[in-house]
N, C-alpha and C. Protein backbone atom coordinates (compact mmCIF):
# COMPACT_ATOMS: atom_id res chain seq x y z
N MET A 1 -94.36 -24.37 54.53
CA MET A 1 -94.68 -25.66 53.93
C MET A 1 -94.50 -26.79 54.95
N TYR A 2 -93.34 -26.83 55.61
CA TYR A 2 -93.08 -27.90 56.56
C TYR A 2 -93.99 -27.81 57.78
N GLN A 3 -94.35 -26.58 58.15
CA GLN A 3 -95.24 -26.40 59.29
C GLN A 3 -96.59 -27.06 59.02
N SER A 4 -97.11 -26.91 57.81
CA SER A 4 -98.40 -27.51 57.48
C SER A 4 -98.31 -29.03 57.43
N ILE A 5 -97.16 -29.55 57.00
CA ILE A 5 -96.97 -31.00 56.96
C ILE A 5 -96.97 -31.57 58.38
N ILE A 6 -96.24 -30.89 59.27
CA ILE A 6 -96.20 -31.35 60.67
C ILE A 6 -97.59 -31.25 61.29
N ALA A 7 -98.28 -30.15 61.04
CA ALA A 7 -99.61 -29.96 61.62
C ALA A 7 -100.59 -31.01 61.11
N SER A 8 -100.45 -31.40 59.84
CA SER A 8 -101.37 -32.40 59.27
C SER A 8 -101.20 -33.77 59.92
N ALA A 9 -100.01 -34.02 60.48
CA ALA A 9 -99.77 -35.29 61.18
C ALA A 9 -100.39 -35.29 62.56
N SER A 10 -100.80 -34.13 63.07
CA SER A 10 -101.41 -33.98 64.39
C SER A 10 -100.63 -34.71 65.48
N PRO A 11 -99.35 -34.43 65.64
CA PRO A 11 -98.56 -35.16 66.64
C PRO A 11 -98.92 -34.76 68.06
N ASP A 12 -98.92 -35.73 68.96
CA ASP A 12 -99.08 -35.44 70.38
C ASP A 12 -97.74 -35.03 70.99
N ILE A 13 -96.66 -35.59 70.44
CA ILE A 13 -95.33 -35.36 70.99
C ILE A 13 -94.40 -34.90 69.87
N VAL A 14 -93.62 -33.87 70.14
CA VAL A 14 -92.59 -33.40 69.21
C VAL A 14 -91.24 -33.55 69.90
N ILE A 15 -90.32 -34.26 69.24
CA ILE A 15 -88.97 -34.45 69.77
C ILE A 15 -88.00 -33.65 68.89
N VAL A 16 -87.24 -32.77 69.52
CA VAL A 16 -86.27 -31.94 68.80
C VAL A 16 -84.87 -32.41 69.18
N GLU A 17 -84.15 -32.98 68.23
CA GLU A 17 -82.78 -33.45 68.47
C GLU A 17 -81.80 -32.34 68.10
N GLU A 18 -80.67 -32.25 68.82
CA GLU A 18 -79.73 -31.14 68.68
C GLU A 18 -80.45 -29.81 68.90
N ALA A 19 -81.25 -29.76 69.95
CA ALA A 19 -82.09 -28.59 70.21
C ALA A 19 -81.28 -27.34 70.51
N GLY A 20 -80.05 -27.51 70.97
CA GLY A 20 -79.21 -26.35 71.26
C GLY A 20 -78.74 -25.62 70.02
N GLU A 21 -78.89 -26.23 68.84
CA GLU A 21 -78.43 -25.63 67.58
C GLU A 21 -79.59 -25.17 66.70
N ILE A 22 -80.82 -25.19 67.23
CA ILE A 22 -81.99 -24.85 66.42
C ILE A 22 -82.58 -23.53 66.90
N LEU A 23 -82.88 -22.65 65.97
CA LEU A 23 -83.46 -21.35 66.31
C LEU A 23 -84.77 -21.52 67.07
N GLU A 24 -84.99 -20.64 68.02
CA GLU A 24 -86.20 -20.69 68.83
C GLU A 24 -87.45 -20.64 67.96
N SER A 25 -87.45 -19.78 66.95
CA SER A 25 -88.61 -19.63 66.07
C SER A 25 -88.92 -20.91 65.30
N HIS A 26 -87.88 -21.67 64.96
CA HIS A 26 -88.10 -22.92 64.23
C HIS A 26 -88.78 -23.97 65.10
N VAL A 27 -88.46 -23.96 66.38
CA VAL A 27 -89.13 -24.89 67.30
C VAL A 27 -90.60 -24.51 67.45
N PHE A 28 -90.86 -23.22 67.64
CA PHE A 28 -92.25 -22.78 67.79
C PHE A 28 -93.07 -23.09 66.54
N ALA A 29 -92.44 -23.00 65.37
CA ALA A 29 -93.16 -23.28 64.12
C ALA A 29 -93.60 -24.73 64.02
N ALA A 30 -92.92 -25.61 64.77
CA ALA A 30 -93.25 -27.04 64.73
C ALA A 30 -94.34 -27.42 65.73
N LEU A 31 -94.78 -26.46 66.54
CA LEU A 31 -95.75 -26.76 67.60
C LEU A 31 -97.15 -26.43 67.13
N SER A 32 -97.86 -27.43 66.67
CA SER A 32 -99.24 -27.24 66.26
C SER A 32 -100.17 -27.40 67.46
N GLU A 33 -101.45 -27.19 67.26
CA GLU A 33 -102.41 -27.24 68.36
C GLU A 33 -102.50 -28.62 69.00
N SER A 34 -102.14 -29.65 68.26
CA SER A 34 -102.28 -31.01 68.78
C SER A 34 -101.17 -31.40 69.77
N VAL A 35 -100.07 -30.65 69.78
CA VAL A 35 -98.90 -31.03 70.58
C VAL A 35 -99.18 -30.88 72.07
N LYS A 36 -98.94 -31.96 72.80
CA LYS A 36 -99.12 -31.97 74.25
C LYS A 36 -97.79 -32.06 74.99
N HIS A 37 -96.76 -32.50 74.27
CA HIS A 37 -95.48 -32.75 74.95
C HIS A 37 -94.34 -32.39 73.99
N LEU A 38 -93.44 -31.53 74.45
CA LEU A 38 -92.25 -31.15 73.68
C LEU A 38 -91.01 -31.67 74.39
N ILE A 39 -90.21 -32.45 73.67
CA ILE A 39 -88.97 -33.01 74.24
C ILE A 39 -87.79 -32.39 73.50
N LEU A 40 -86.93 -31.71 74.25
CA LEU A 40 -85.74 -31.06 73.68
C LEU A 40 -84.50 -31.83 74.11
N ILE A 41 -83.70 -32.26 73.14
CA ILE A 41 -82.48 -33.02 73.42
C ILE A 41 -81.31 -32.29 72.77
N GLY A 42 -80.28 -31.99 73.54
CA GLY A 42 -79.14 -31.29 72.96
C GLY A 42 -78.13 -30.91 74.01
N ASP A 43 -77.32 -29.91 73.69
CA ASP A 43 -76.27 -29.45 74.60
C ASP A 43 -76.18 -27.93 74.49
N HIS A 44 -76.61 -27.24 75.52
CA HIS A 44 -76.63 -25.77 75.49
C HIS A 44 -75.25 -25.17 75.70
N LYS A 45 -74.24 -26.01 75.95
CA LYS A 45 -72.88 -25.51 76.15
C LYS A 45 -72.02 -25.62 74.90
N GLN A 46 -72.62 -26.09 73.81
CA GLN A 46 -71.86 -26.22 72.57
C GLN A 46 -72.37 -25.22 71.54
N LEU A 47 -72.39 -25.58 70.26
CA LEU A 47 -72.71 -24.62 69.21
C LEU A 47 -74.13 -24.08 69.34
N ARG A 48 -74.27 -22.77 69.15
CA ARG A 48 -75.58 -22.14 69.12
C ARG A 48 -76.12 -22.17 67.68
N PRO A 49 -77.42 -21.82 67.50
CA PRO A 49 -77.97 -21.74 66.15
C PRO A 49 -77.21 -20.72 65.30
N LYS A 50 -77.21 -20.94 64.01
CA LYS A 50 -76.50 -20.06 63.08
C LYS A 50 -77.40 -18.92 62.63
N VAL A 51 -76.92 -17.68 62.77
CA VAL A 51 -77.63 -16.51 62.24
C VAL A 51 -76.65 -15.73 61.36
N ASN A 52 -77.19 -14.96 60.43
CA ASN A 52 -76.35 -14.28 59.44
C ASN A 52 -75.92 -12.88 59.86
N SER A 53 -76.41 -12.40 61.00
CA SER A 53 -76.08 -11.05 61.43
C SER A 53 -75.43 -11.11 62.81
N TYR A 54 -74.14 -10.87 62.88
CA TYR A 54 -73.42 -10.95 64.15
C TYR A 54 -73.95 -9.98 65.21
N PRO A 55 -74.36 -8.74 64.87
CA PRO A 55 -74.89 -7.83 65.89
C PRO A 55 -76.14 -8.34 66.60
N LEU A 56 -76.80 -9.35 66.05
CA LEU A 56 -78.01 -9.89 66.68
C LEU A 56 -77.72 -11.11 67.56
N THR A 57 -76.45 -11.44 67.75
CA THR A 57 -76.09 -12.65 68.49
C THR A 57 -75.83 -12.37 69.96
N VAL A 58 -75.82 -13.43 70.74
CA VAL A 58 -75.48 -13.34 72.16
C VAL A 58 -74.07 -12.79 72.33
N GLU A 59 -73.17 -13.25 71.48
CA GLU A 59 -71.76 -12.86 71.60
C GLU A 59 -71.55 -11.36 71.41
N TYR A 60 -72.38 -10.72 70.62
CA TYR A 60 -72.23 -9.29 70.37
C TYR A 60 -72.58 -8.46 71.60
N GLY A 61 -73.50 -8.97 72.41
CA GLY A 61 -73.78 -8.36 73.70
C GLY A 61 -74.80 -7.24 73.73
N GLU A 62 -75.61 -7.08 72.69
CA GLU A 62 -76.62 -6.03 72.68
C GLU A 62 -77.98 -6.50 73.19
N GLY A 63 -78.09 -7.78 73.53
CA GLY A 63 -79.33 -8.27 74.13
C GLY A 63 -80.35 -8.82 73.16
N TYR A 64 -80.05 -8.82 71.86
CA TYR A 64 -81.00 -9.38 70.90
C TYR A 64 -81.03 -10.91 71.00
N ASP A 65 -79.87 -11.52 71.14
CA ASP A 65 -79.74 -12.95 71.44
C ASP A 65 -80.52 -13.83 70.48
N LEU A 66 -80.49 -13.48 69.20
CA LEU A 66 -81.26 -14.24 68.22
C LEU A 66 -80.75 -15.67 68.08
N ASN A 67 -79.48 -15.88 68.40
CA ASN A 67 -78.92 -17.23 68.27
C ASN A 67 -78.96 -18.02 69.57
N MET A 68 -79.78 -17.60 70.51
CA MET A 68 -80.00 -18.40 71.71
C MET A 68 -81.21 -19.31 71.47
N SER A 69 -81.00 -20.59 71.56
CA SER A 69 -82.08 -21.55 71.32
C SER A 69 -83.09 -21.53 72.45
N LEU A 70 -84.28 -22.04 72.18
CA LEU A 70 -85.28 -22.21 73.22
C LEU A 70 -84.74 -23.12 74.31
N PHE A 71 -84.00 -24.12 73.92
CA PHE A 71 -83.39 -25.07 74.85
C PHE A 71 -82.50 -24.34 75.86
N GLU A 72 -81.60 -23.50 75.37
CA GLU A 72 -80.69 -22.76 76.25
C GLU A 72 -81.46 -21.74 77.10
N ARG A 73 -82.43 -21.08 76.51
CA ARG A 73 -83.19 -20.05 77.22
C ARG A 73 -83.94 -20.65 78.42
N LEU A 74 -84.57 -21.80 78.20
CA LEU A 74 -85.32 -22.44 79.29
C LEU A 74 -84.40 -22.88 80.42
N ILE A 75 -83.21 -23.37 80.08
CA ILE A 75 -82.25 -23.78 81.10
C ILE A 75 -81.79 -22.58 81.91
N HIS A 76 -81.49 -21.46 81.24
CA HIS A 76 -81.06 -20.25 81.94
C HIS A 76 -82.17 -19.68 82.83
N GLN A 77 -83.41 -19.96 82.47
CA GLN A 77 -84.54 -19.50 83.29
C GLN A 77 -84.79 -20.38 84.50
N GLY A 78 -84.03 -21.46 84.63
CA GLY A 78 -84.13 -22.29 85.82
C GLY A 78 -85.05 -23.49 85.71
N HIS A 79 -85.50 -23.81 84.50
CA HIS A 79 -86.36 -24.98 84.33
C HIS A 79 -85.55 -26.26 84.56
N GLU A 80 -86.22 -27.26 85.06
CA GLU A 80 -85.55 -28.52 85.38
C GLU A 80 -85.11 -29.25 84.11
N TYR A 81 -83.93 -29.84 84.17
CA TYR A 81 -83.42 -30.61 83.04
C TYR A 81 -82.47 -31.69 83.56
N THR A 82 -82.21 -32.68 82.73
CA THR A 82 -81.28 -33.75 83.09
C THR A 82 -80.08 -33.71 82.16
N THR A 83 -78.95 -34.20 82.62
CA THR A 83 -77.74 -34.18 81.82
C THR A 83 -77.09 -35.56 81.76
N LEU A 84 -76.25 -35.73 80.77
CA LEU A 84 -75.47 -36.96 80.62
C LEU A 84 -74.55 -37.12 81.82
N GLN A 85 -74.52 -38.29 82.41
CA GLN A 85 -73.70 -38.53 83.59
C GLN A 85 -72.41 -39.28 83.27
N GLU A 86 -72.41 -40.04 82.17
CA GLU A 86 -71.26 -40.88 81.85
C GLU A 86 -70.98 -40.81 80.35
N GLN A 87 -69.72 -40.62 80.00
CA GLN A 87 -69.36 -40.54 78.58
C GLN A 87 -68.66 -41.82 78.15
N HIS A 88 -68.90 -42.22 76.89
CA HIS A 88 -68.38 -43.48 76.35
C HIS A 88 -67.50 -43.25 75.13
N ARG A 89 -66.98 -42.03 74.94
CA ARG A 89 -66.22 -41.71 73.73
C ARG A 89 -64.73 -41.54 73.99
N SER A 90 -64.38 -40.65 74.91
CA SER A 90 -62.99 -40.20 75.03
C SER A 90 -62.23 -40.93 76.12
N HIS A 91 -60.96 -41.16 75.86
CA HIS A 91 -60.06 -41.66 76.90
C HIS A 91 -59.99 -40.61 78.02
N PRO A 92 -59.79 -41.01 79.27
CA PRO A 92 -59.73 -40.06 80.38
C PRO A 92 -58.72 -38.94 80.18
N ASP A 93 -57.64 -39.19 79.46
CA ASP A 93 -56.66 -38.13 79.19
C ASP A 93 -57.28 -36.99 78.39
N ILE A 94 -58.29 -37.31 77.58
CA ILE A 94 -58.96 -36.30 76.77
C ILE A 94 -60.16 -35.72 77.51
N SER A 95 -60.96 -36.57 78.13
CA SER A 95 -62.15 -36.09 78.83
C SER A 95 -61.81 -35.23 80.04
N TYR A 96 -60.57 -35.32 80.52
CA TYR A 96 -60.12 -34.46 81.62
C TYR A 96 -60.33 -32.99 81.27
N PHE A 97 -60.00 -32.61 80.04
CA PHE A 97 -60.14 -31.22 79.62
C PHE A 97 -61.61 -30.84 79.47
N THR A 98 -62.44 -31.79 79.06
CA THR A 98 -63.87 -31.55 78.97
C THR A 98 -64.44 -31.21 80.34
N ARG A 99 -64.01 -31.94 81.34
CA ARG A 99 -64.48 -31.67 82.71
C ARG A 99 -63.99 -30.32 83.21
N GLN A 100 -62.77 -29.97 82.89
CA GLN A 100 -62.23 -28.69 83.35
C GLN A 100 -62.95 -27.51 82.70
N LEU A 101 -63.38 -27.67 81.46
CA LEU A 101 -63.95 -26.56 80.71
C LEU A 101 -65.46 -26.42 80.88
N ALA A 102 -66.18 -27.52 80.95
CA ALA A 102 -67.64 -27.39 80.88
C ALA A 102 -68.44 -28.42 81.67
N TYR A 103 -67.89 -29.61 81.88
CA TYR A 103 -68.71 -30.68 82.46
C TYR A 103 -68.01 -31.29 83.68
N PRO A 104 -67.97 -30.58 84.81
CA PRO A 104 -67.19 -31.05 85.97
C PRO A 104 -67.68 -32.38 86.56
N GLY A 105 -68.96 -32.69 86.40
CA GLY A 105 -69.49 -33.91 86.99
C GLY A 105 -69.51 -35.12 86.07
N LEU A 106 -69.00 -34.96 84.86
CA LEU A 106 -69.06 -36.04 83.88
C LEU A 106 -68.09 -37.16 84.23
N LYS A 107 -68.60 -38.38 84.25
CA LYS A 107 -67.78 -39.55 84.59
C LYS A 107 -67.41 -40.32 83.32
N ASP A 108 -66.33 -41.09 83.41
CA ASP A 108 -65.87 -41.91 82.29
C ASP A 108 -66.39 -43.33 82.41
N SER A 109 -66.85 -43.88 81.30
CA SER A 109 -67.18 -45.30 81.27
C SER A 109 -65.90 -46.10 81.44
N PRO A 110 -65.93 -47.21 82.15
CA PRO A 110 -64.72 -48.02 82.33
C PRO A 110 -64.06 -48.44 81.02
N LYS A 111 -64.85 -48.61 79.97
CA LYS A 111 -64.29 -49.12 78.71
C LYS A 111 -63.38 -48.12 78.01
N VAL A 112 -63.54 -46.80 78.29
CA VAL A 112 -62.74 -45.82 77.56
C VAL A 112 -61.27 -45.84 78.00
N SER A 113 -61.01 -46.36 79.18
CA SER A 113 -59.61 -46.46 79.64
C SER A 113 -58.83 -47.52 78.87
N LYS A 114 -59.54 -48.38 78.15
CA LYS A 114 -58.90 -49.47 77.42
C LYS A 114 -58.57 -49.09 75.97
N ARG A 115 -58.84 -47.85 75.59
CA ARG A 115 -58.54 -47.42 74.23
C ARG A 115 -57.03 -47.53 73.97
N PRO A 116 -56.63 -48.05 72.81
CA PRO A 116 -55.19 -48.20 72.52
C PRO A 116 -54.48 -46.86 72.40
N GLN A 117 -53.21 -46.85 72.74
CA GLN A 117 -52.40 -45.65 72.62
C GLN A 117 -52.19 -45.30 71.14
N VAL A 118 -52.12 -44.03 70.84
CA VAL A 118 -51.86 -43.60 69.46
C VAL A 118 -50.43 -43.97 69.08
N LYS A 119 -50.28 -44.65 67.98
CA LYS A 119 -48.95 -45.10 67.55
C LYS A 119 -48.07 -43.91 67.16
N GLY A 120 -46.85 -43.92 67.68
CA GLY A 120 -45.90 -42.88 67.32
C GLY A 120 -45.95 -41.64 68.19
N LEU A 121 -46.87 -41.59 69.15
CA LEU A 121 -47.00 -40.43 70.04
C LEU A 121 -46.92 -40.87 71.49
N GLN A 122 -46.27 -40.06 72.32
CA GLN A 122 -46.14 -40.38 73.74
C GLN A 122 -47.37 -39.99 74.53
N LYS A 123 -48.11 -38.97 74.04
CA LYS A 123 -49.28 -38.48 74.76
C LYS A 123 -50.49 -38.45 73.84
N ARG A 124 -51.68 -38.53 74.45
CA ARG A 124 -52.92 -38.47 73.68
C ARG A 124 -53.32 -37.03 73.38
N VAL A 125 -52.90 -36.10 74.22
CA VAL A 125 -53.24 -34.68 74.04
C VAL A 125 -51.95 -33.88 74.00
N ILE A 126 -51.77 -33.11 72.94
CA ILE A 126 -50.55 -32.32 72.78
C ILE A 126 -50.95 -30.90 72.36
N PHE A 127 -50.48 -29.91 73.09
CA PHE A 127 -50.70 -28.51 72.73
C PHE A 127 -49.40 -27.93 72.18
N VAL A 128 -49.49 -27.26 71.05
CA VAL A 128 -48.32 -26.66 70.42
C VAL A 128 -48.53 -25.15 70.30
N HIS A 129 -47.66 -24.38 70.90
CA HIS A 129 -47.76 -22.92 70.85
C HIS A 129 -46.69 -22.35 69.91
N HIS A 130 -47.10 -21.40 69.07
CA HIS A 130 -46.13 -20.71 68.21
C HIS A 130 -46.52 -19.25 68.07
N ARG A 131 -45.65 -18.46 67.50
CA ARG A 131 -45.88 -17.01 67.38
C ARG A 131 -46.03 -16.55 65.93
N HIS A 132 -46.40 -17.45 65.06
CA HIS A 132 -46.61 -17.10 63.65
C HIS A 132 -48.04 -16.60 63.47
N SER A 133 -48.20 -15.37 63.04
CA SER A 133 -49.51 -14.73 62.98
C SER A 133 -50.34 -15.21 61.79
N GLU A 134 -51.67 -15.02 61.93
CA GLU A 134 -52.58 -15.33 60.83
C GLU A 134 -52.58 -14.21 59.80
N SER A 135 -52.98 -14.54 58.61
CA SER A 135 -53.25 -13.54 57.58
C SER A 135 -54.72 -13.65 57.21
N HIS A 136 -55.25 -12.64 56.54
CA HIS A 136 -56.66 -12.63 56.18
C HIS A 136 -56.83 -13.05 54.72
N MET A 137 -57.85 -13.86 54.50
CA MET A 137 -58.15 -14.36 53.16
C MET A 137 -59.42 -13.67 52.67
N ALA A 138 -59.34 -12.94 51.59
CA ALA A 138 -60.47 -12.18 51.07
C ALA A 138 -61.52 -13.09 50.43
N ASP A 139 -62.74 -12.58 50.39
CA ASP A 139 -63.87 -13.24 49.70
C ASP A 139 -64.27 -14.56 50.34
N VAL A 140 -63.90 -14.76 51.61
CA VAL A 140 -64.34 -15.94 52.34
C VAL A 140 -64.86 -15.47 53.69
N SER A 141 -66.10 -15.80 54.04
CA SER A 141 -66.67 -15.38 55.32
C SER A 141 -66.73 -16.56 56.26
N ASP A 142 -66.65 -16.26 57.56
CA ASP A 142 -66.69 -17.30 58.57
C ASP A 142 -68.03 -17.34 59.27
N ARG A 143 -68.24 -18.41 60.01
CA ARG A 143 -69.54 -18.68 60.62
C ARG A 143 -69.99 -17.59 61.57
N HIS A 144 -69.06 -16.96 62.31
CA HIS A 144 -69.47 -16.03 63.36
C HIS A 144 -70.04 -14.73 62.82
N ASP A 145 -69.69 -14.34 61.61
CA ASP A 145 -70.23 -13.11 61.04
C ASP A 145 -70.18 -13.17 59.52
N LEU A 146 -71.28 -13.54 58.91
CA LEU A 146 -71.32 -13.72 57.46
C LEU A 146 -71.34 -12.39 56.71
N THR A 147 -71.45 -11.25 57.46
CA THR A 147 -71.44 -9.95 56.80
C THR A 147 -70.02 -9.48 56.50
N ILE A 148 -69.02 -10.15 57.07
CA ILE A 148 -67.62 -9.81 56.82
C ILE A 148 -67.04 -10.84 55.85
N ASN A 149 -66.56 -10.36 54.70
CA ASN A 149 -66.15 -11.30 53.64
C ASN A 149 -64.66 -11.62 53.69
N THR A 150 -64.11 -11.79 54.89
CA THR A 150 -62.73 -12.25 55.03
C THR A 150 -62.67 -13.38 56.04
N SER A 151 -61.66 -14.19 55.93
CA SER A 151 -61.43 -15.26 56.88
C SER A 151 -59.94 -15.32 57.19
N LYS A 152 -59.57 -16.14 58.16
CA LYS A 152 -58.18 -16.22 58.58
C LYS A 152 -57.53 -17.49 58.05
N GLU A 153 -56.23 -17.37 57.79
CA GLU A 153 -55.44 -18.54 57.44
C GLU A 153 -54.05 -18.39 58.06
N ASN A 154 -53.43 -19.52 58.36
CA ASN A 154 -52.10 -19.51 58.96
C ASN A 154 -51.27 -20.58 58.26
N VAL A 155 -50.32 -20.14 57.45
CA VAL A 155 -49.52 -21.06 56.65
C VAL A 155 -48.66 -21.96 57.53
N PHE A 156 -48.11 -21.40 58.60
CA PHE A 156 -47.28 -22.20 59.51
C PHE A 156 -48.10 -23.32 60.14
N ASP A 157 -49.30 -22.97 60.59
CA ASP A 157 -50.21 -23.98 61.15
C ASP A 157 -50.47 -25.10 60.14
N ALA A 158 -50.79 -24.70 58.92
CA ALA A 158 -51.13 -25.68 57.89
C ALA A 158 -49.96 -26.61 57.61
N ASP A 159 -48.77 -26.05 57.50
CA ASP A 159 -47.59 -26.89 57.25
C ASP A 159 -47.35 -27.86 58.40
N MET A 160 -47.52 -27.37 59.62
CA MET A 160 -47.30 -28.22 60.79
C MET A 160 -48.35 -29.34 60.87
N VAL A 161 -49.59 -29.00 60.56
CA VAL A 161 -50.66 -30.00 60.57
C VAL A 161 -50.40 -31.08 59.53
N LEU A 162 -50.02 -30.68 58.33
CA LEU A 162 -49.83 -31.66 57.26
C LEU A 162 -48.60 -32.52 57.48
N LYS A 163 -47.58 -31.98 58.13
CA LYS A 163 -46.43 -32.80 58.50
C LYS A 163 -46.84 -33.85 59.54
N THR A 164 -47.72 -33.44 60.45
CA THR A 164 -48.23 -34.38 61.45
C THR A 164 -49.06 -35.48 60.80
N VAL A 165 -49.91 -35.09 59.85
CA VAL A 165 -50.72 -36.07 59.12
C VAL A 165 -49.82 -37.07 58.40
N ASN A 166 -48.78 -36.56 57.76
CA ASN A 166 -47.86 -37.43 57.03
C ASN A 166 -47.14 -38.38 58.00
N TYR A 167 -46.75 -37.86 59.15
CA TYR A 167 -46.08 -38.69 60.16
C TYR A 167 -47.00 -39.80 60.66
N LEU A 168 -48.26 -39.47 60.92
CA LEU A 168 -49.21 -40.48 61.39
C LEU A 168 -49.46 -41.53 60.31
N ALA A 169 -49.45 -41.10 59.05
CA ALA A 169 -49.60 -42.06 57.95
C ALA A 169 -48.43 -43.04 57.95
N GLN A 170 -47.24 -42.54 58.27
CA GLN A 170 -46.06 -43.41 58.34
C GLN A 170 -46.16 -44.42 59.49
N GLN A 171 -46.98 -44.12 60.48
CA GLN A 171 -47.18 -45.05 61.59
C GLN A 171 -48.20 -46.14 61.25
N GLY A 172 -48.82 -46.01 60.06
CA GLY A 172 -49.76 -47.04 59.63
C GLY A 172 -51.21 -46.62 59.62
N TYR A 173 -51.51 -45.36 59.96
CA TYR A 173 -52.89 -44.90 59.95
C TYR A 173 -53.34 -44.56 58.53
N LEU A 174 -54.58 -44.93 58.21
CA LEU A 174 -55.16 -44.63 56.90
C LEU A 174 -55.85 -43.27 56.94
N THR A 175 -56.17 -42.74 55.78
CA THR A 175 -56.86 -41.45 55.73
C THR A 175 -58.20 -41.51 56.46
N LYS A 176 -58.86 -42.66 56.46
CA LYS A 176 -60.14 -42.78 57.15
C LYS A 176 -59.98 -42.74 58.67
N ASP A 177 -58.76 -42.87 59.16
CA ASP A 177 -58.50 -42.84 60.60
C ASP A 177 -58.19 -41.43 61.11
N LEU A 178 -58.01 -40.48 60.19
CA LEU A 178 -57.53 -39.15 60.57
C LEU A 178 -58.57 -38.09 60.27
N VAL A 179 -58.71 -37.12 61.17
CA VAL A 179 -59.59 -35.97 60.98
C VAL A 179 -58.83 -34.71 61.35
N VAL A 180 -58.86 -33.72 60.48
CA VAL A 180 -58.27 -32.41 60.76
C VAL A 180 -59.41 -31.40 60.88
N LEU A 181 -59.51 -30.73 62.01
CA LEU A 181 -60.58 -29.75 62.26
C LEU A 181 -60.00 -28.34 62.29
N THR A 182 -60.70 -27.40 61.69
CA THR A 182 -60.31 -25.99 61.76
C THR A 182 -61.57 -25.13 61.82
N PRO A 183 -61.58 -24.06 62.64
CA PRO A 183 -62.77 -23.21 62.75
C PRO A 183 -62.89 -22.17 61.64
N TYR A 184 -61.86 -22.01 60.82
CA TYR A 184 -61.86 -20.95 59.81
C TYR A 184 -61.94 -21.51 58.40
N LEU A 185 -62.84 -20.93 57.60
CA LEU A 185 -62.99 -21.39 56.22
C LEU A 185 -61.73 -21.10 55.40
N GLY A 186 -61.05 -20.00 55.73
CA GLY A 186 -59.81 -19.69 55.03
C GLY A 186 -58.75 -20.74 55.27
N GLN A 187 -58.66 -21.21 56.52
CA GLN A 187 -57.69 -22.25 56.84
C GLN A 187 -58.09 -23.57 56.19
N LEU A 188 -59.38 -23.84 56.14
CA LEU A 188 -59.86 -25.05 55.48
C LEU A 188 -59.47 -25.06 54.00
N SER A 189 -59.65 -23.92 53.35
CA SER A 189 -59.28 -23.82 51.93
C SER A 189 -57.78 -24.02 51.75
N LEU A 190 -56.99 -23.43 52.65
CA LEU A 190 -55.53 -23.58 52.56
C LEU A 190 -55.11 -25.03 52.78
N LEU A 191 -55.70 -25.68 53.76
CA LEU A 191 -55.37 -27.08 54.04
C LEU A 191 -55.72 -27.98 52.87
N ARG A 192 -56.89 -27.76 52.29
CA ARG A 192 -57.30 -28.58 51.13
C ARG A 192 -56.33 -28.39 49.97
N HIS A 193 -55.93 -27.15 49.74
CA HIS A 193 -55.00 -26.88 48.64
C HIS A 193 -53.67 -27.57 48.88
N LYS A 194 -53.13 -27.45 50.08
CA LYS A 194 -51.84 -28.05 50.39
C LYS A 194 -51.93 -29.58 50.38
N LEU A 195 -53.04 -30.10 50.88
CA LEU A 195 -53.20 -31.55 50.93
C LEU A 195 -53.26 -32.15 49.53
N SER A 196 -54.03 -31.52 48.66
CA SER A 196 -54.16 -32.04 47.30
C SER A 196 -52.87 -31.85 46.51
N LYS A 197 -52.11 -30.80 46.85
CA LYS A 197 -50.90 -30.49 46.11
C LYS A 197 -49.70 -31.32 46.55
N ASP A 198 -49.55 -31.49 47.88
CA ASP A 198 -48.31 -32.06 48.40
C ASP A 198 -48.45 -33.41 49.09
N HIS A 199 -49.65 -33.72 49.62
CA HIS A 199 -49.71 -34.85 50.54
C HIS A 199 -50.67 -35.96 50.13
N ASP A 200 -51.68 -35.64 49.36
CA ASP A 200 -52.68 -36.66 49.05
C ASP A 200 -52.08 -37.90 48.40
N PRO A 201 -51.19 -37.76 47.39
CA PRO A 201 -50.60 -38.97 46.79
C PRO A 201 -49.85 -39.81 47.81
N ILE A 202 -49.17 -39.15 48.76
CA ILE A 202 -48.42 -39.89 49.77
C ILE A 202 -49.36 -40.71 50.64
N LEU A 203 -50.44 -40.06 51.08
CA LEU A 203 -51.39 -40.76 51.94
C LEU A 203 -52.07 -41.89 51.18
N ASN A 204 -52.39 -41.65 49.93
CA ASN A 204 -53.01 -42.71 49.13
C ASN A 204 -52.08 -43.90 48.96
N ASP A 205 -50.79 -43.63 48.80
CA ASP A 205 -49.82 -44.72 48.70
C ASP A 205 -49.81 -45.56 49.97
N PHE A 206 -49.86 -44.89 51.12
CA PHE A 206 -49.90 -45.61 52.39
C PHE A 206 -51.18 -46.44 52.49
N ASP A 207 -52.30 -45.86 52.06
CA ASP A 207 -53.57 -46.58 52.10
C ASP A 207 -53.50 -47.84 51.23
N ASN A 208 -53.00 -47.69 50.02
CA ASN A 208 -52.93 -48.82 49.09
C ASN A 208 -51.98 -49.90 49.59
N ALA A 209 -50.87 -49.49 50.18
CA ALA A 209 -49.91 -50.47 50.71
C ALA A 209 -50.52 -51.25 51.86
N LYS A 210 -51.30 -50.56 52.70
CA LYS A 210 -51.92 -51.22 53.84
C LYS A 210 -52.97 -52.23 53.36
N LYS A 211 -53.73 -51.83 52.34
CA LYS A 211 -54.77 -52.72 51.82
C LYS A 211 -54.15 -53.94 51.13
N ALA A 212 -52.99 -53.74 50.51
CA ALA A 212 -52.33 -54.84 49.80
C ALA A 212 -51.87 -55.94 50.74
N ARG A 213 -51.62 -55.58 51.99
CA ARG A 213 -51.21 -56.59 52.95
C ARG A 213 -52.38 -57.45 53.30
């Protein structure tokens, strides 16, 4: 259906945003006979397209590579491309790790050095190591393999995260200022349960007190 709609517009140029996360076949489906120029914008070093069969992925290693985007494939084949030279998001203390892991030539905009320090913390980046193992949560599948109906959760992690959230709220941060990220759906479910059970009223009280001022 969408292919016919795109074709009816007879575009000369097709621009694909987040091209690194789009299946190769979906890009080809958007290329009608009228297209003279294809522009792919994205990041081939971040998330790949989502597929439902892990054995067909690059990570599985059998060569099917169904989750390799056209964007990534063309870059690996040696086609010319341009990259972002300067970032305007992260303080240098954070972007340092980005350079070490994936983007060695990335420069910082002068303005990011002026970002205020996080209240209540001595450092902008903190790594915490512990030896508390994960458990498996049934009937929840994760992004990397939807054929397996289990996911991981770690109660110790969740408790530590929520204590940190509560502490940051005490420093004056509102819920809109905080983001908690987790790669596992099981952990997400656990965090939501604990947050609604133990912490949401506390955070809401801090929000209301801040607004009252």
